[in-house]
Structures are given as structure tokens and as C-alpha cells.
Amino acid sequence: MRTILDLPEDLVEEAMKVSGINTKTQVIITALEELIRKSKTSELKKFKGKIDLEIDMTAIRGRQCRY
């Protein structure tokens, strides 16, 4: 999708520099993907300690308990 954006040039250039990305399009795509990822991670953190999945990690890993 083509869109015209008025972005601060210094901000875009700094993002390109710190990320090592060479194109403005790719740096914006990467920034949007990262924003979405962080938002989803934040939403998942709300469930920490509230869901009991009753998972036996030893059985999943196929290990025998030594004790």
C-alpha cells in the first residue's frame, strides 16, 4: 500500500543507522512489526500466574528425574 507520510528525517535516519537497515521502507516495516510484537507480548504478560496449564516439563523433555 502506498502512503504519503510526513516523518522526522532525523528520526528515520537514526533508526536506519542503529538497525543497520538501508531503506526507509524496510525500517518503517521493521518498526511497525516491533511495535505489534511488543504490544502482543505485553498482552500475554497480563496472564502471568493466572493460568495453570499443569505441564510436566520432565515428561515433555523426555527426561528422568534423578531424585
PDB file of N, CA and C in Angstrom:
ATOM      1  N   MET A   1       0.841  -1.168   0.000  1.00  0.00           N
ATOM      2  CA  MET A   1       0.000   0.000   0.000  1.00  0.00           C
ATOM      3  C   MET A   1       0.894   1.241   0.000  1.00  0.00           C
ATOM      4  N   ARG A   2       0.616   2.118  -0.896  1.00  0.00           N
ATOM      5  CA  ARG A   2       1.373   3.369  -0.948  1.00  0.00           C
ATOM      6  C   ARG A   2       0.709   4.400  -0.049  1.00  0.00           C
ATOM      7  N   THR A   3       1.538   5.066   0.753  1.00  0.00           N
ATOM      8  CA  THR A   3       1.052   6.083   1.674  1.00  0.00           C
ATOM      9  C   THR A   3       2.078   7.200   1.743  1.00  0.00           C
ATOM     10  N   ILE A   4       1.592   8.410   1.817  1.00  0.00           N
ATOM     11  CA  ILE A   4       2.491   9.545   1.989  1.00  0.00           C
ATOM     12  C   ILE A   4       2.534   9.872   3.470  1.00  0.00           C
ATOM     13  N   LEU A   5       3.747   9.915   4.019  1.00  0.00           N
ATOM     14  CA  LEU A   5       3.939  10.188   5.434  1.00  0.00           C
ATOM     15  C   LEU A   5       4.866  11.372   5.617  1.00  0.00           C
ATOM     16  N   ASP A   6       4.602  12.138   6.639  1.00  0.00           N
ATOM     17  CA  ASP A   6       5.486  13.242   6.994  1.00  0.00           C
ATOM     18  C   ASP A   6       6.221  12.824   8.265  1.00  0.00           C
ATOM     19  N   LEU A   7       7.404  12.245   8.084  1.00  0.00           N
ATOM     20  CA  LEU A   7       8.180  11.720   9.198  1.00  0.00           C
ATOM     21  C   LEU A   7       9.394  12.595   9.468  1.00  0.00           C
ATOM     22  N   PRO A   8       9.800  12.707  10.724  1.00  0.00           N
ATOM     23  CA  PRO A   8      11.022  13.447  11.032  1.00  0.00           C
ATOM     24  C   PRO A   8      12.231  12.737  10.411  1.00  0.00           C
ATOM     25  N   GLU A   9      12.906  13.409   9.520  1.00  0.00           N
ATOM     26  CA  GLU A   9      14.031  12.819   8.784  1.00  0.00           C
ATOM     27  C   GLU A   9      15.120  12.319   9.732  1.00  0.00           C
ATOM     28  N   ASP A  10      15.424  13.096  10.777  1.00  0.00           N
ATOM     29  CA  ASP A  10      16.480  12.685  11.707  1.00  0.00           C
ATOM     30  C   ASP A  10      16.103  11.401  12.454  1.00  0.00           C
ATOM     31  N   LEU A  11      14.829  11.228  12.744  1.00  0.00           N
ATOM     32  CA  LEU A  11      14.376  10.021  13.420  1.00  0.00           C
ATOM     33  C   LEU A  11      14.501   8.801  12.518  1.00  0.00           C
ATOM     34  N   VAL A  12      14.117   8.949  11.271  1.00  0.00           N
ATOM     35  CA  VAL A  12      14.232   7.852  10.305  1.00  0.00           C
ATOM     36  C   VAL A  12      15.693   7.499  10.072  1.00  0.00           C
ATOM     37  N   GLU A  13      16.526   8.506   9.911  1.00  0.00           N
ATOM     38  CA  GLU A  13      17.956   8.262   9.681  1.00  0.00           C
ATOM     39  C   GLU A  13      18.603   7.572  10.876  1.00  0.00           C
ATOM     40  N   GLU A  14      18.227   7.985  12.096  1.00  0.00           N
ATOM     41  CA  GLU A  14      18.789   7.338  13.288  1.00  0.00           C
ATOM     42  C   GLU A  14      18.331   5.884  13.382  1.00  0.00           C
ATOM     43  N   ALA A  15      17.064   5.630  13.074  1.00  0.00           N
ATOM     44  CA  ALA A  15      16.547   4.258  13.088  1.00  0.00           C
ATOM     45  C   ALA A  15      17.292   3.403  12.072  1.00  0.00           C
ATOM     46  N   MET A  16      17.572   3.961  10.905  1.00  0.00           N
ATOM     47  CA  MET A  16      18.312   3.228   9.882  1.00  0.00           C
ATOM     48  C   MET A  16      19.731   2.939  10.360  1.00  0.00           C
ATOM     49  N   LYS A  17      20.328   3.920  11.011  1.00  0.00           N
ATOM     50  CA  LYS A  17      21.702   3.766  11.480  1.00  0.00           C
ATOM     51  C   LYS A  17      21.808   2.704  12.573  1.00  0.00           C
ATOM     52  N   VAL A  18      20.946   2.767  13.587  1.00  0.00           N
ATOM     53  CA  VAL A  18      21.051   1.828  14.705  1.00  0.00           C
ATOM     54  C   VAL A  18      20.616   0.417  14.336  1.00  0.00           C
ATOM     55  N   SER A  19      19.738   0.296  13.342  1.00  0.00           N
ATOM     56  CA  SER A  19      19.254  -1.025  12.946  1.00  0.00           C
ATOM     57  C   SER A  19      20.091  -1.656  11.838  1.00  0.00           C
ATOM     58  N   GLY A  20      20.831  -0.827  11.128  1.00  0.00           N
ATOM     59  CA  GLY A  20      21.615  -1.334  10.003  1.00  0.00           C
ATOM     60  C   GLY A  20      20.770  -1.591   8.764  1.00  0.00           C
ATOM     61  N   ILE A  21      19.562  -1.077   8.761  1.00  0.00           N
ATOM     62  CA  ILE A  21      18.660  -1.232   7.613  1.00  0.00           C
ATOM     63  C   ILE A  21      18.929  -0.097   6.630  1.00  0.00           C
ATOM     64  N   ASN A  22      18.981  -0.445   5.347  1.00  0.00           N
ATOM     65  CA  ASN A  22      19.397   0.528   4.338  1.00  0.00           C
ATOM     66  C   ASN A  22      18.272   1.300   3.656  1.00  0.00           C
ATOM     67  N   THR A  23      17.032   0.867   3.818  1.00  0.00           N
ATOM     68  CA  THR A  23      15.945   1.567   3.138  1.00  0.00           C
ATOM     69  C   THR A  23      14.939   2.104   4.150  1.00  0.00           C
ATOM     70  N   LYS A  24      14.338   3.223   3.821  1.00  0.00           N
ATOM     71  CA  LYS A  24      13.339   3.828   4.693  1.00  0.00           C
ATOM     72  C   LYS A  24      12.114   2.924   4.808  1.00  0.00           C
ATOM     73  N   THR A  25      11.727   2.333   3.699  1.00  0.00           N
ATOM     74  CA  THR A  25      10.565   1.443   3.714  1.00  0.00           C
ATOM     75  C   THR A  25      10.782   0.294   4.678  1.00  0.00           C
ATOM     76  N   GLN A  26      11.931  -0.350   4.595  1.00  0.00           N
ATOM     77  CA  GLN A  26      12.197  -1.510   5.458  1.00  0.00           C
ATOM     78  C   GLN A  26      12.313  -1.104   6.918  1.00  0.00           C
ATOM     79  N   VAL A  27      12.874   0.055   7.201  1.00  0.00           N
ATOM     80  CA  VAL A  27      12.995   0.477   8.599  1.00  0.00           C
ATOM     81  C   VAL A  27      11.616   0.772   9.183  1.00  0.00           C
ATOM     82  N   ILE A  28      10.707   1.303   8.399  1.00  0.00           N
ATOM     83  CA  ILE A  28       9.343   1.567   8.874  1.00  0.00           C
ATOM     84  C   ILE A  28       8.594   0.253   9.075  1.00  0.00           C
ATOM     85  N   ILE A  29       8.750  -0.686   8.147  1.00  0.00           N
ATOM     86  CA  ILE A  29       8.113  -2.001   8.289  1.00  0.00           C
ATOM     87  C   ILE A  29       8.622  -2.691   9.547  1.00  0.00           C
ATOM     88  N   THR A  30       9.911  -2.652   9.767  1.00  0.00           N
ATOM     89  CA  THR A  30      10.511  -3.274  10.948  1.00  0.00           C
ATOM     90  C   THR A  30       9.994  -2.619  12.229  1.00  0.00           C
ATOM     91  N   ALA A  31       9.883  -1.304  12.226  1.00  0.00           N
ATOM     92  CA  ALA A  31       9.381  -0.588  13.400  1.00  0.00           C
ATOM     93  C   ALA A  31       7.931  -0.972  13.692  1.00  0.00           C
ATOM     94  N   LEU A  32       7.118  -1.092  12.666  1.00  0.00           N
ATOM     95  CA  LEU A  32       5.721  -1.483  12.851  1.00  0.00           C
ATOM     96  C   LEU A  32       5.620  -2.919  13.373  1.00  0.00           C
ATOM     97  N   GLU A  33       6.416  -3.811  12.826  1.00  0.00           N
ATOM     98  CA  GLU A  33       6.417  -5.199  13.290  1.00  0.00           C
ATOM     99  C   GLU A  33       6.836  -5.286  14.751  1.00  0.00           C
ATOM    100  N   GLU A  34       7.839  -4.501  15.129  1.00  0.00           N
ATOM    101  CA  GLU A  34       8.327  -4.499  16.507  1.00  0.00           C
ATOM    102  C   GLU A  34       7.264  -3.931  17.451  1.00  0.00           C
ATOM    103  N   LEU A  35       6.581  -2.896  17.037  1.00  0.00           N
ATOM    104  CA  LEU A  35       5.508  -2.316  17.839  1.00  0.00           C
ATOM    105  C   LEU A  35       4.400  -3.344  18.089  1.00  0.00           C
ATOM    106  N   ILE A  36       4.022  -4.063  17.058  1.00  0.00           N
ATOM    107  CA  ILE A  36       2.989  -5.098  17.178  1.00  0.00           C
ATOM    108  C   ILE A  36       3.460  -6.223  18.084  1.00  0.00           C
ATOM    109  N   ARG A  37       4.715  -6.665  17.908  1.00  0.00           N
ATOM    110  CA  ARG A  37       5.260  -7.744  18.729  1.00  0.00           C
ATOM    111  C   ARG A  37       5.269  -7.357  20.206  1.00  0.00           C
ATOM    112  N   LYS A  38       5.712  -6.138  20.502  1.00  0.00           N
ATOM    113  CA  LYS A  38       5.770  -5.681  21.890  1.00  0.00           C
ATOM    114  C   LYS A  38       4.377  -5.567  22.497  1.00  0.00           C
ATOM    115  N   SER A  39       3.432  -5.119  21.706  1.00  0.00           N
ATOM    116  CA  SER A  39       2.060  -4.994  22.182  1.00  0.00           C
ATOM    117  C   SER A  39       1.472  -6.364  22.509  1.00  0.00           C
ATOM    118  N   LYS A  40       1.702  -7.348  21.645  1.00  0.00           N
ATOM    119  CA  LYS A  40       1.199  -8.703  21.888  1.00  0.00           C
ATOM    120  C   LYS A  40       1.868  -9.326  23.108  1.00  0.00           C
ATOM    121  N   THR A  41       3.163  -9.099  23.264  1.00  0.00           N
ATOM    122  CA  THR A  41       3.890  -9.612  24.418  1.00  0.00           C
ATOM    123  C   THR A  41       3.347  -9.009  25.703  1.00  0.00           C
ATOM    124  N   SER A  42       3.064  -7.726  25.667  1.00  0.00           N
ATOM    125  CA  SER A  42       2.507  -7.030  26.824  1.00  0.00           C
ATOM    126  C   SER A  42       1.146  -7.608  27.199  1.00  0.00           C
ATOM    127  N   GLU A  43       0.338  -7.905  26.216  1.00  0.00           N
ATOM    128  CA  GLU A  43      -0.975  -8.505  26.467  1.00  0.00           C
ATOM    129  C   GLU A  43      -0.831  -9.887  27.110  1.00  0.00           C
ATOM    130  N   LEU A  44       0.130 -10.677  26.642  1.00  0.00           N
ATOM    131  CA  LEU A  44       0.338 -12.012  27.205  1.00  0.00           C
ATOM    132  C   LEU A  44       0.816 -11.950  28.650  1.00  0.00           C
ATOM    133  N   LYS A  45       1.593 -10.928  28.992  1.00  0.00           N
ATOM    134  CA  LYS A  45       2.121 -10.797  30.348  1.00  0.00           C
ATOM    135  C   LYS A  45       1.009 -10.609  31.375  1.00  0.00           C
ATOM    136  N   LYS A  46      -0.148 -10.135  30.950  1.00  0.00           N
ATOM    137  CA  LYS A  46      -1.274  -9.952  31.864  1.00  0.00           C
ATOM    138  C   LYS A  46      -1.750 -11.284  32.432  1.00  0.00           C
ATOM    139  N   PHE A  47      -1.481 -12.385  31.724  1.00  0.00           N
ATOM    140  CA  PHE A  47      -1.933 -13.701  32.149  1.00  0.00           C
ATOM    141  C   PHE A  47      -0.921 -14.432  33.026  1.00  0.00           C
ATOM    142  N   LYS A  48       0.240 -13.830  33.251  1.00  0.00           N
ATOM    143  CA  LYS A  48       1.289 -14.480  34.031  1.00  0.00           C
ATOM    144  C   LYS A  48       0.770 -14.861  35.416  1.00  0.00           C
ATOM    145  N   GLY A  49       0.889 -16.142  35.735  1.00  0.00           N
ATOM    146  CA  GLY A  49       0.468 -16.641  37.028  1.00  0.00           C
ATOM    147  C   GLY A  49      -1.025 -16.882  37.172  1.00  0.00           C
ATOM    148  N   LYS A  50      -1.791 -16.631  36.133  1.00  0.00           N
ATOM    149  CA  LYS A  50      -3.244 -16.774  36.209  1.00  0.00           C
ATOM    150  C   LYS A  50      -3.762 -18.025  35.519  1.00  0.00           C
ATOM    151  N   ILE A  51      -2.909 -18.685  34.751  1.00  0.00           N
ATOM    152  CA  ILE A  51      -3.330 -19.877  34.025  1.00  0.00           C
ATOM    153  C   ILE A  51      -2.484 -21.050  34.484  1.00  0.00           C
ATOM    154  N   ASP A  52      -3.146 -22.100  34.947  1.00  0.00           N
ATOM    155  CA  ASP A  52      -2.442 -23.305  35.362  1.00  0.00           C
ATOM    156  C   ASP A  52      -2.581 -24.333  34.242  1.00  0.00           C
ATOM    157  N   LEU A  53      -1.505 -24.563  33.534  1.00  0.00           N
ATOM    158  CA  LEU A  53      -1.539 -25.479  32.399  1.00  0.00           C
ATOM    159  C   LEU A  53      -1.234 -26.919  32.797  1.00  0.00           C
ATOM    160  N   GLU A  54      -0.825 -27.134  34.035  1.00  0.00           N
ATOM    161  CA  GLU A  54      -0.481 -28.462  34.534  1.00  0.00           C
ATOM    162  C   GLU A  54       0.448 -29.202  33.569  1.00  0.00           C
ATOM    163  N   ILE A  55       1.532 -28.570  33.241  1.00  0.00           N
ATOM    164  CA  ILE A  55       2.502 -29.137  32.308  1.00  0.00           C
ATOM    165  C   ILE A  55       3.622 -29.806  33.093  1.00  0.00           C
ATOM    166  N   ASP A  56       3.922 -31.045  32.755  1.00  0.00           N
ATOM    167  CA  ASP A  56       5.034 -31.765  33.353  1.00  0.00           C
ATOM    168  C   ASP A  56       6.225 -31.633  32.401  1.00  0.00           C
ATOM    169  N   MET A  57       7.088 -30.671  32.697  1.00  0.00           N
ATOM    170  CA  MET A  57       8.210 -30.387  31.801  1.00  0.00           C
ATOM    171  C   MET A  57       9.169 -31.564  31.683  1.00  0.00           C
ATOM    172  N   THR A  58       9.317 -32.368  32.745  1.00  0.00           N
ATOM    173  CA  THR A  58      10.194 -33.534  32.681  1.00  0.00           C
ATOM    174  C   THR A  58       9.669 -34.526  31.651  1.00  0.00           C
ATOM    175  N   ALA A  59       8.375 -34.750  31.645  1.00  0.00           N
ATOM    176  CA  ALA A  59       7.780 -35.679  30.676  1.00  0.00           C
ATOM    177  C   ALA A  59       7.894 -35.132  29.256  1.00  0.00           C
ATOM    178  N   ILE A  60       7.699 -33.841  29.112  1.00  0.00           N
ATOM    179  CA  ILE A  60       7.789 -33.235  27.781  1.00  0.00           C
ATOM    180  C   ILE A  60       9.202 -33.350  27.234  1.00  0.00           C
ATOM    181  N   ARG A  61      10.164 -33.146  28.086  1.00  0.00           N
ATOM    182  CA  ARG A  61      11.559 -33.200  27.655  1.00  0.00           C
ATOM    183  C   ARG A  61      12.067 -34.635  27.522  1.00  0.00           C
ATOM    184  N   GLY A  62      11.304 -35.588  28.021  1.00  0.00           N
ATOM    185  CA  GLY A  62      11.716 -36.992  27.939  1.00  0.00           C
ATOM    186  C   GLY A  62      12.830 -37.325  28.885  1.00  0.00           C
ATOM    187  N   ARG A  63      12.919 -36.614  29.990  1.00  0.00           N
ATOM    188  CA  ARG A  63      13.985 -36.835  30.964  1.00  0.00           C
ATOM    189  C   ARG A  63      13.458 -37.601  32.185  1.00  0.00           C
ATOM    190  N   GLN A  64      14.352 -38.291  32.806  1.00  0.00           N
ATOM    191  CA  GLN A  64      14.027 -38.957  34.067  1.00  0.00           C
ATOM    192  C   GLN A  64      14.538 -38.070  35.202  1.00  0.00           C
ATOM    193  N   CYS A  65      13.735 -37.984  36.249  1.00  0.00           N
ATOM    194  CA  CYS A  65      14.154 -37.232  37.419  1.00  0.00           C
ATOM    195  C   CYS A  65      15.226 -38.023  38.154  1.00  0.00           C
ATOM    196  N   ARG A  66      16.301 -37.389  38.544  1.00  0.00           N
ATOM    197  CA  ARG A  66      17.408 -38.075  39.230  1.00  0.00           C
ATOM    198  C   ARG A  66      17.140 -38.267  40.714  1.00  0.00           C
ATOM    199  N   TYR A  67      16.141 -37.631  41.249  1.00  0.00           N
ATOM    200  CA  TYR A  67      15.919 -37.666  42.692  1.00  0.00           C
ATOM    201  C   TYR A  67      14.705 -38.441  43.062  1.00  0.00           C
TER     202      TYR A  67
END
